[in-house]
Amino acid sequence: AAGFRISTSGPPERKGIVQRLDVGTSGLMVVAKSE
């Protein structure tokens, strides 16, 4: 929604995701933008 172009790697709904946090856990996550 914010217009970020994310890496196309990974399943369609998880593109760019290299780590996860639980729904109920807050804090820092890194997401890949380039392959």
Full PDB file with SEQRES, HELIX, SHEET, SSBOND, CRYST1, ORIGX, SCALE, CONECT and MASTER records, all heavy atoms in Angstrom:
SEQRES   1 A   35  ALA ALA GLY PHE ARG ILE SER THR SER GLY PRO PRO GLU          
SEQRES   2 A   35  ARG LYS GLY ILE VAL GLN ARG LEU ASP VAL GLY THR SER          
SEQRES   3 A   35  GLY LEU MET VAL VAL ALA LYS SER GLU                          
HELIX    1 AA1 PRO A   12  ARG A   14  5                                   3    
CRYST1    1.000    1.000    1.000  90.00  90.00  90.00 P 1           1          
ORIGX1      1.000000  0.000000  0.000000        0.00000                         
ORIGX2      0.000000  1.000000  0.000000        0.00000                         
ORIGX3      0.000000  0.000000  1.000000        0.00000                         
SCALE1      1.000000  0.000000  0.000000        0.00000                         
SCALE2      0.000000  1.000000  0.000000        0.00000                         
SCALE3      0.000000  0.000000  1.000000        0.00000                         
ATOM      1  N   ALA A   1       0.825  -1.209   0.000  1.00  0.00           N  
ATOM      2  CA  ALA A   1       0.000   0.000   0.000  1.00  0.00           C  
ATOM      3  C   ALA A   1       0.860   1.260   0.000  1.00  0.00           C  
ATOM      4  O   ALA A   1       0.476   2.295  -0.567  1.00  0.00           O  
ATOM      5  CB  ALA A   1      -0.931   0.003   1.210  1.00  0.00           C  
ATOM      6  N   ALA A   2       2.030   1.167   0.636  1.00  0.00           N  
ATOM      7  CA  ALA A   2       2.919   2.328   0.726  1.00  0.00           C  
ATOM      8  C   ALA A   2       3.783   2.503  -0.521  1.00  0.00           C  
ATOM      9  O   ALA A   2       4.579   3.445  -0.599  1.00  0.00           O  
ATOM     10  CB  ALA A   2       3.814   2.202   1.957  1.00  0.00           C  
ATOM     11  N   GLY A   3       3.645   1.602  -1.496  1.00  0.00           N  
ATOM     12  CA  GLY A   3       4.349   1.740  -2.759  1.00  0.00           C  
ATOM     13  C   GLY A   3       5.749   1.179  -2.796  1.00  0.00           C  
ATOM     14  O   GLY A   3       6.509   1.460  -3.726  1.00  0.00           O  
ATOM     15  N   PHE A   4       6.104   0.336  -1.819  1.00  0.00           N  
ATOM     16  CA  PHE A   4       7.437  -0.267  -1.815  1.00  0.00           C  
ATOM     17  C   PHE A   4       7.504  -1.395  -2.838  1.00  0.00           C  
ATOM     18  O   PHE A   4       6.589  -2.214  -2.936  1.00  0.00           O  
ATOM     19  CB  PHE A   4       7.779  -0.820  -0.431  1.00  0.00           C  
ATOM     20  CG  PHE A   4       8.121   0.227   0.581  1.00  0.00           C  
ATOM     21  CD1 PHE A   4       7.135   0.848   1.323  1.00  0.00           C  
ATOM     22  CD2 PHE A   4       9.445   0.614   0.784  1.00  0.00           C  
ATOM     23  CE1 PHE A   4       7.448   1.820   2.256  1.00  0.00           C  
ATOM     24  CE2 PHE A   4       9.773   1.587   1.711  1.00  0.00           C  
ATOM     25  CZ  PHE A   4       8.773   2.195   2.446  1.00  0.00           C  
ATOM     26  N   ARG A   5       8.588  -1.424  -3.595  1.00  0.00           N  
ATOM     27  CA  ARG A   5       8.831  -2.528  -4.524  1.00  0.00           C  
ATOM     28  C   ARG A   5       9.675  -3.565  -3.786  1.00  0.00           C  
ATOM     29  O   ARG A   5      10.823  -3.305  -3.423  1.00  0.00           O  
ATOM     30  CB  ARG A   5       9.545  -2.043  -5.784  1.00  0.00           C  
ATOM     31  CG  ARG A   5       8.711  -1.079  -6.617  1.00  0.00           C  
ATOM     32  CD  ARG A   5       9.472  -0.592  -7.841  1.00  0.00           C  
ATOM     33  NE  ARG A   5       9.794  -1.700  -8.730  1.00  0.00           N  
ATOM     34  CZ  ARG A   5       8.979  -2.149  -9.682  1.00  0.00           C  
ATOM     35  NH1 ARG A   5       7.783  -1.601  -9.834  1.00  0.00           N  
ATOM     36  NH2 ARG A   5       9.341  -3.140 -10.459  1.00  0.00           N  
ATOM     37  N   ILE A   6       9.093  -4.741  -3.563  1.00  0.00           N  
ATOM     38  CA  ILE A   6       9.731  -5.777  -2.758  1.00  0.00           C  
ATOM     39  C   ILE A   6      10.278  -6.875  -3.660  1.00  0.00           C  
ATOM     40  O   ILE A   6       9.783  -7.091  -4.773  1.00  0.00           O  
ATOM     41  CB  ILE A   6       8.702  -6.358  -1.754  1.00  0.00           C  
ATOM     42  CG1 ILE A   6       8.159  -5.236  -0.875  1.00  0.00           C  
ATOM     43  CG2 ILE A   6       9.320  -7.439  -0.883  1.00  0.00           C  
ATOM     44  CD1 ILE A   6       9.198  -4.460  -0.114  1.00  0.00           C  
ATOM     45  N   SER A   7      11.279  -7.578  -3.194  1.00  0.00           N  
ATOM     46  CA  SER A   7      11.833  -8.717  -3.925  1.00  0.00           C  
ATOM     47  C   SER A   7      10.722  -9.657  -4.384  1.00  0.00           C  
ATOM     48  O   SER A   7       9.741  -9.880  -3.670  1.00  0.00           O  
ATOM     49  CB  SER A   7      12.812  -9.482  -3.026  1.00  0.00           C  
ATOM     50  OG  SER A   7      13.077 -10.765  -3.531  1.00  0.00           O  
ATOM     51  N   THR A   8      10.869 -10.228  -5.564  1.00  0.00           N  
ATOM     52  CA  THR A   8       9.877 -11.178  -6.082  1.00  0.00           C  
ATOM     53  C   THR A   8      10.142 -12.590  -5.583  1.00  0.00           C  
ATOM     54  O   THR A   8       9.384 -13.508  -5.907  1.00  0.00           O  
ATOM     55  CB  THR A   8       9.882 -11.179  -7.618  1.00  0.00           C  
ATOM     56  OG1 THR A   8      11.189 -11.535  -8.093  1.00  0.00           O  
ATOM     57  CG2 THR A   8       9.513  -9.802  -8.169  1.00  0.00           C  
ATOM     58  N   SER A   9      11.218 -12.778  -4.825  1.00  0.00           N  
ATOM     59  CA  SER A   9      11.550 -14.111  -4.329  1.00  0.00           C  
ATOM     60  C   SER A   9      10.576 -14.534  -3.238  1.00  0.00           C  
ATOM     61  O   SER A   9      10.115 -13.724  -2.444  1.00  0.00           O  
ATOM     62  CB  SER A   9      12.975 -14.143  -3.780  1.00  0.00           C  
ATOM     63  OG  SER A   9      13.907 -13.827  -4.786  1.00  0.00           O  
ATOM     64  N   GLY A  10      10.292 -15.841  -3.215  1.00  0.00           N  
ATOM     65  CA  GLY A  10       9.385 -16.383  -2.219  1.00  0.00           C  
ATOM     66  C   GLY A  10       7.989 -16.567  -2.793  1.00  0.00           C  
ATOM     67  O   GLY A  10       7.671 -16.070  -3.877  1.00  0.00           O  
ATOM     68  N   PRO A  11       7.115 -17.311  -2.096  1.00  0.00           N  
ATOM     69  CA  PRO A  11       5.727 -17.481  -2.519  1.00  0.00           C  
ATOM     70  C   PRO A  11       5.049 -16.120  -2.663  1.00  0.00           C  
ATOM     71  O   PRO A  11       5.467 -15.146  -2.020  1.00  0.00           O  
ATOM     72  CB  PRO A  11       5.100 -18.299  -1.376  1.00  0.00           C  
ATOM     73  CG  PRO A  11       6.257 -18.998  -0.742  1.00  0.00           C  
ATOM     74  CD  PRO A  11       7.416 -18.059  -0.858  1.00  0.00           C  
ATOM     75  N   PRO A  12       3.988 -16.029  -3.481  1.00  0.00           N  
ATOM     76  CA  PRO A  12       3.377 -14.719  -3.779  1.00  0.00           C  
ATOM     77  C   PRO A  12       3.037 -13.889  -2.552  1.00  0.00           C  
ATOM     78  O   PRO A  12       3.269 -12.689  -2.527  1.00  0.00           O  
ATOM     79  CB  PRO A  12       2.114 -15.107  -4.563  1.00  0.00           C  
ATOM     80  CG  PRO A  12       2.444 -16.412  -5.197  1.00  0.00           C  
ATOM     81  CD  PRO A  12       3.340 -17.120  -4.221  1.00  0.00           C  
ATOM     82  N   GLU A  13       2.476 -14.535  -1.514  1.00  0.00           N  
ATOM     83  CA  GLU A  13       2.044 -13.777  -0.334  1.00  0.00           C  
ATOM     84  C   GLU A  13       3.193 -13.495   0.631  1.00  0.00           C  
ATOM     85  O   GLU A  13       3.015 -12.778   1.613  1.00  0.00           O  
ATOM     86  CB  GLU A  13       0.913 -14.514   0.393  1.00  0.00           C  
ATOM     87  CG  GLU A  13       1.328 -15.725   1.200  1.00  0.00           C  
ATOM     88  CD  GLU A  13       1.588 -16.970   0.354  1.00  0.00           C  
ATOM     89  OE1 GLU A  13       1.519 -16.882  -0.887  1.00  0.00           O  
ATOM     90  OE2 GLU A  13       1.865 -18.029   0.951  1.00  0.00           O  
ATOM     91  N   ARG A  14       4.391 -14.062   0.362  1.00  0.00           N  
ATOM     92  CA  ARG A  14       5.517 -13.872   1.277  1.00  0.00           C  
ATOM     93  C   ARG A  14       6.732 -13.287   0.563  1.00  0.00           C  
ATOM     94  O   ARG A  14       7.860 -13.460   1.021  1.00  0.00           O  
ATOM     95  CB  ARG A  14       5.912 -15.204   1.935  1.00  0.00           C  
ATOM     96  CG  ARG A  14       4.824 -15.801   2.779  1.00  0.00           C  
ATOM     97  CD  ARG A  14       5.363 -16.812   3.783  1.00  0.00           C  
ATOM     98  NE  ARG A  14       5.970 -17.978   3.170  1.00  0.00           N  
ATOM     99  CZ  ARG A  14       5.310 -19.080   2.838  1.00  0.00           C  
ATOM    100  NH1 ARG A  14       4.012 -19.148   3.032  1.00  0.00           N  
ATOM    101  NH2 ARG A  14       5.939 -20.109   2.294  1.00  0.00           N  
ATOM    102  N   LYS A  15       6.509 -12.589  -0.533  1.00  0.00           N  
ATOM    103  CA  LYS A  15       7.634 -12.043  -1.288  1.00  0.00           C  
ATOM    104  C   LYS A  15       8.465 -11.106  -0.409  1.00  0.00           C  
ATOM    105  O   LYS A  15       7.948 -10.218   0.242  1.00  0.00           O  
ATOM    106  CB  LYS A  15       7.116 -11.291  -2.517  1.00  0.00           C  
ATOM    107  CG  LYS A  15       6.497 -12.194  -3.576  1.00  0.00           C  
ATOM    108  CD  LYS A  15       6.118 -11.413  -4.804  1.00  0.00           C  
ATOM    109  CE  LYS A  15       5.396 -12.286  -5.833  1.00  0.00           C  
ATOM    110  NZ  LYS A  15       6.176 -13.420  -6.266  1.00  0.00           N  
ATOM    111  N   GLY A  16       9.778 -11.338  -0.426  1.00  0.00           N  
ATOM    112  CA  GLY A  16      10.690 -10.483   0.303  1.00  0.00           C  
ATOM    113  C   GLY A  16      10.835 -10.791   1.777  1.00  0.00           C  
ATOM    114  O   GLY A  16      11.710 -10.245   2.443  1.00  0.00           O  
ATOM    115  N   ILE A  17      10.010 -11.692   2.310  1.00  0.00           N  
ATOM    116  CA  ILE A  17      10.044 -11.985   3.740  1.00  0.00           C  
ATOM    117  C   ILE A  17      11.195 -12.942   4.050  1.00  0.00           C  
ATOM    118  O   ILE A  17      11.233 -14.063   3.553  1.00  0.00           O  
ATOM    119  CB  ILE A  17       8.709 -12.595   4.216  1.00  0.00           C  
ATOM    120  CG1 ILE A  17       7.585 -11.557   4.102  1.00  0.00           C  
ATOM    121  CG2 ILE A  17       8.832 -13.099   5.650  1.00  0.00           C  
ATOM    122  CD1 ILE A  17       7.740 -10.380   5.032  1.00  0.00           C  
ATOM    123  N   VAL A  18      12.130 -12.488   4.863  1.00  0.00           N  
ATOM    124  CA  VAL A  18      13.286 -13.318   5.245  1.00  0.00           C  
ATOM    125  C   VAL A  18      13.234 -13.695   6.723  1.00  0.00           C  
ATOM    126  O   VAL A  18      14.012 -14.519   7.193  1.00  0.00           O  
ATOM    127  CB  VAL A  18      14.617 -12.611   4.929  1.00  0.00           C  
ATOM    128  CG1 VAL A  18      14.803 -12.452   3.433  1.00  0.00           C  
ATOM    129  CG2 VAL A  18      14.704 -11.239   5.622  1.00  0.00           C  
ATOM    130  N   GLN A  19      12.319 -13.069   7.489  1.00  0.00           N  
ATOM    131  CA  GLN A  19      12.116 -13.405   8.900  1.00  0.00           C  
ATOM    132  C   GLN A  19      10.674 -13.087   9.248  1.00  0.00           C  
ATOM    133  O   GLN A  19       9.988 -12.358   8.525  1.00  0.00           O  
ATOM    134  CB  GLN A  19      13.050 -12.601   9.810  1.00  0.00           C  
ATOM    135  CG  GLN A  19      12.727 -11.109   9.810  1.00  0.00           C  
ATOM    136  CD  GLN A  19      13.310 -10.350  10.975  1.00  0.00           C  
ATOM    137  OE1 GLN A  19      13.795  -9.251  10.783  1.00  0.00           O  
ATOM    138  NE2 GLN A  19      13.252 -10.873  12.188  1.00  0.00           N  
ATOM    139  N   ARG A  20      10.200 -13.640  10.346  1.00  0.00           N  
ATOM    140  CA  ARG A  20       8.821 -13.371  10.767  1.00  0.00           C  
ATOM    141  C   ARG A  20       8.775 -13.099  12.266  1.00  0.00           C  
ATOM    142  O   ARG A  20       9.602 -13.619  13.024  1.00  0.00           O  
ATOM    143  CB  ARG A  20       7.917 -14.565  10.433  1.00  0.00           C  
ATOM    144  CG  ARG A  20       7.635 -14.704   8.948  1.00  0.00           C  
ATOM    145  CD  ARG A  20       6.762 -15.889   8.659  1.00  0.00           C  
ATOM    146  NE  ARG A  20       7.496 -17.147   8.724  1.00  0.00           N  
ATOM    147  CZ  ARG A  20       6.987 -18.323   8.395  1.00  0.00           C  
ATOM    148  NH1 ARG A  20       5.739 -18.416   7.996  1.00  0.00           N  
ATOM    149  NH2 ARG A  20       7.722 -19.416   8.473  1.00  0.00           N  
ATOM    150  N   LEU A  21       7.805 -12.305  12.669  1.00  0.00           N  
ATOM    151  CA  LEU A  21       7.475 -12.115  14.072  1.00  0.00           C  
ATOM    152  C   LEU A  21       6.043 -12.585  14.277  1.00  0.00           C  
ATOM    153  O   LEU A  21       5.200 -12.426  13.387  1.00  0.00           O  
ATOM    154  CB  LEU A  21       7.573 -10.634  14.472  1.00  0.00           C  
ATOM    155  CG  LEU A  21       8.954  -9.979  14.528  1.00  0.00           C  
ATOM    156  CD1 LEU A  21       8.803  -8.521  14.954  1.00  0.00           C  
ATOM    157  CD2 LEU A  21       9.879 -10.713  15.476  1.00  0.00           C  
ATOM    158  N   ASP A  22       5.756 -13.164  15.448  1.00  0.00           N  
ATOM    159  CA  ASP A  22       4.389 -13.562  15.764  1.00  0.00           C  
ATOM    160  C   ASP A  22       3.462 -12.354  15.657  1.00  0.00           C  
ATOM    161  O   ASP A  22       3.879 -11.210  15.881  1.00  0.00           O  
ATOM    162  CB  ASP A  22       4.295 -14.102  17.188  1.00  0.00           C  
ATOM    163  CG  ASP A  22       5.119 -15.353  17.410  1.00  0.00           C  
ATOM    164  OD1 ASP A  22       5.514 -15.976  16.406  1.00  0.00           O  
ATOM    165  OD2 ASP A  22       5.365 -15.697  18.581  1.00  0.00           O  
ATOM    166  N   VAL A  23       2.192 -12.621  15.389  1.00  0.00           N  
ATOM    167  CA  VAL A  23       1.198 -11.556  15.319  1.00  0.00           C  
ATOM    168  C   VAL A  23       1.205 -10.720  16.591  1.00  0.00           C  
ATOM    169  O   VAL A  23       1.152  -9.490  16.551  1.00  0.00           O  
ATOM    170  CB  VAL A  23      -0.209 -12.148  15.070  1.00  0.00           C  
ATOM    171  CG1 VAL A  23      -1.282 -11.079  15.261  1.00  0.00           C  
ATOM    172  CG2 VAL A  23      -0.306 -12.748  13.672  1.00  0.00           C  
ATOM    173  N   GLY A  24       1.295 -11.372  17.748  1.00  0.00           N  
ATOM    174  CA  GLY A  24       1.231 -10.670  19.018  1.00  0.00           C  
ATOM    175  C   GLY A  24       2.546 -10.097  19.495  1.00  0.00           C  
ATOM    176  O   GLY A  24       2.599  -9.510  20.580  1.00  0.00           O  
ATOM    177  N   THR A  25       3.612 -10.259  18.717  1.00  0.00           N  
ATOM    178  CA  THR A  25       4.927  -9.724  19.090  1.00  0.00           C  
ATOM    179  C   THR A  25       5.220  -8.486  18.252  1.00  0.00           C  
ATOM    180  O   THR A  25       5.041  -8.495  17.034  1.00  0.00           O  
ATOM    181  CB  THR A  25       6.031 -10.771  18.862  1.00  0.00           C  
ATOM    182  OG1 THR A  25       5.749 -11.928  19.655  1.00  0.00           O  
ATOM    183  CG2 THR A  25       7.396 -10.227  19.240  1.00  0.00           C  
ATOM    184  N   SER A  26       5.650  -7.432  18.914  1.00  0.00           N  
ATOM    185  CA  SER A  26       5.974  -6.189  18.208  1.00  0.00           C  
ATOM    186  C   SER A  26       7.479  -6.076  18.017  1.00  0.00           C  
ATOM    187  O   SER A  26       8.256  -6.804  18.623  1.00  0.00           O  
ATOM    188  CB  SER A  26       5.450  -4.991  19.007  1.00  0.00           C  
ATOM    189  OG  SER A  26       5.895  -5.070  20.362  1.00  0.00           O  
ATOM    190  N   GLY A  27       7.879  -5.125  17.158  1.00  0.00           N  
ATOM    191  CA  GLY A  27       9.298  -4.845  17.011  1.00  0.00           C  
ATOM    192  C   GLY A  27       9.826  -4.935  15.604  1.00  0.00           C  
ATOM    193  O   GLY A  27       9.078  -4.855  14.624  1.00  0.00           O  
ATOM    194  N   LEU A  28      11.132  -5.124  15.497  1.00  0.00           N  
ATOM    195  CA  LEU A  28      11.862  -4.943  14.248  1.00  0.00           C  
ATOM    196  C   LEU A  28      11.842  -6.156  13.324  1.00  0.00           C  
ATOM    197  O   LEU A  28      12.032  -7.287  13.768  1.00  0.00           O  
ATOM    198  CB  LEU A  28      13.312  -4.577  14.561  1.00  0.00           C  
ATOM    199  CG  LEU A  28      13.501  -3.249  15.307  1.00  0.00           C  
ATOM    200  CD1 LEU A  28      14.923  -3.137  15.833  1.00  0.00           C  
ATOM    201  CD2 LEU A  28      13.176  -2.070  14.398  1.00  0.00           C  
ATOM    202  N   MET A  29      11.615  -5.887  12.065  1.00  0.00           N  
ATOM    203  CA  MET A  29      11.685  -6.889  10.998  1.00  0.00           C  
ATOM    204  C   MET A  29      12.389  -6.285   9.800  1.00  0.00           C  
ATOM    205  O   MET A  29      12.181  -5.109   9.484  1.00  0.00           O  
ATOM    206  CB  MET A  29      10.286  -7.318  10.547  1.00  0.00           C  
ATOM    207  CG  MET A  29       9.624  -8.413  11.305  1.00  0.00           C  
ATOM    208  SD  MET A  29       8.026  -8.829  10.527  1.00  0.00           S  
ATOM    209  CE  MET A  29       8.563  -9.331   8.872  1.00  0.00           C  
ATOM    210  N   VAL A  30      13.205  -7.077   9.101  1.00  0.00           N  
ATOM    211  CA  VAL A  30      13.804  -6.632   7.852  1.00  0.00           C  
ATOM    212  C   VAL A  30      13.144  -7.376   6.699  1.00  0.00           C  
ATOM    213  O   VAL A  30      12.862  -8.572   6.790  1.00  0.00           O  
ATOM    214  CB  VAL A  30      15.343  -6.851   7.838  1.00  0.00           C  
ATOM    215  CG1 VAL A  30      15.709  -8.325   8.016  1.00  0.00           C  
ATOM    216  CG2 VAL A  30      15.954  -6.305   6.544  1.00  0.00           C  
ATOM    217  N   VAL A  31      12.870  -6.651   5.617  1.00  0.00           N  
ATOM    218  CA  VAL A  31      12.264  -7.219   4.416  1.00  0.00           C  
ATOM    219  C   VAL A  31      13.181  -6.898   3.240  1.00  0.00           C  
ATOM    220  O   VAL A  31      13.708  -5.782   3.136  1.00  0.00           O  
ATOM    221  CB  VAL A  31      10.858  -6.633   4.166  1.00  0.00           C  
ATOM    222  CG1 VAL A  31      10.237  -7.226   2.907  1.00  0.00           C  
ATOM    223  CG2 VAL A  31       9.953  -6.882   5.375  1.00  0.00           C  
ATOM    224  N   ALA A  32      13.400  -7.875   2.365  1.00  0.00           N  
ATOM    225  CA  ALA A  32      14.294  -7.681   1.213  1.00  0.00           C  
ATOM    226  C   ALA A  32      13.557  -6.988   0.076  1.00  0.00           C  
ATOM    227  O   ALA A  32      12.435  -7.356  -0.269  1.00  0.00           O  
ATOM    228  CB  ALA A  32      14.834  -9.025   0.744  1.00  0.00           C  
ATOM    229  N   LYS A  33      14.212  -5.998  -0.508  1.00  0.00           N  
ATOM    230  CA  LYS A  33      13.649  -5.300  -1.660  1.00  0.00           C  
ATOM    231  C   LYS A  33      14.251  -5.801  -2.970  1.00  0.00           C  
ATOM    232  O   LYS A  33      13.580  -5.843  -3.991  1.00  0.00           O  
ATOM    233  CB  LYS A  33      13.875  -3.793  -1.528  1.00  0.00           C  
ATOM    234  CG  LYS A  33      13.110  -3.156  -0.372  1.00  0.00           C  
ATOM    235  CD  LYS A  33      13.438  -1.677  -0.216  1.00  0.00           C  
ATOM    236  CE  LYS A  33      12.937  -0.848  -1.366  1.00  0.00           C  
ATOM    237  NZ  LYS A  33      13.197   0.594  -1.141  1.00  0.00           N  
ATOM    238  N   SER A  34      15.528  -6.178  -2.950  1.00  0.00           N  
ATOM    239  CA  SER A  34      16.180  -6.675  -4.166  1.00  0.00           C  
ATOM    240  C   SER A  34      16.359  -8.181  -4.087  1.00  0.00           C  
ATOM    241  O   SER A  34      16.349  -8.768  -3.004  1.00  0.00           O  
ATOM    242  CB  SER A  34      17.543  -6.000  -4.351  1.00  0.00           C  
ATOM    243  OG  SER A  34      18.450  -6.417  -3.333  1.00  0.00           O  
ATOM    244  N   GLU A  35      16.528  -8.806  -5.245  1.00  0.00           N  
ATOM    245  CA  GLU A  35      16.740 -10.253  -5.279  1.00  0.00           C  
ATOM    246  C   GLU A  35      18.056 -10.624  -4.581  1.00  0.00           C  
ATOM    247  O   GLU A  35      18.132 -11.625  -3.869  1.00  0.00           O  
ATOM    248  CB  GLU A  35      16.763 -10.759  -6.728  1.00  0.00           C  
ATOM    249  CG  GLU A  35      15.541 -10.369  -7.560  1.00  0.00           C  
ATOM    250  CD  GLU A  35      14.238 -10.729  -6.858  1.00  0.00           C  
ATOM    251  OE1 GLU A  35      14.106 -11.862  -6.378  1.00  0.00           O  
ATOM    252  OE2 GLU A  35      13.352  -9.867  -6.798  1.00  0.00           O  
TER     253      GLU A  35                                                      
MASTER        0    0    0    1    0    0    0    6  252    1    0    3          
END                                                                             
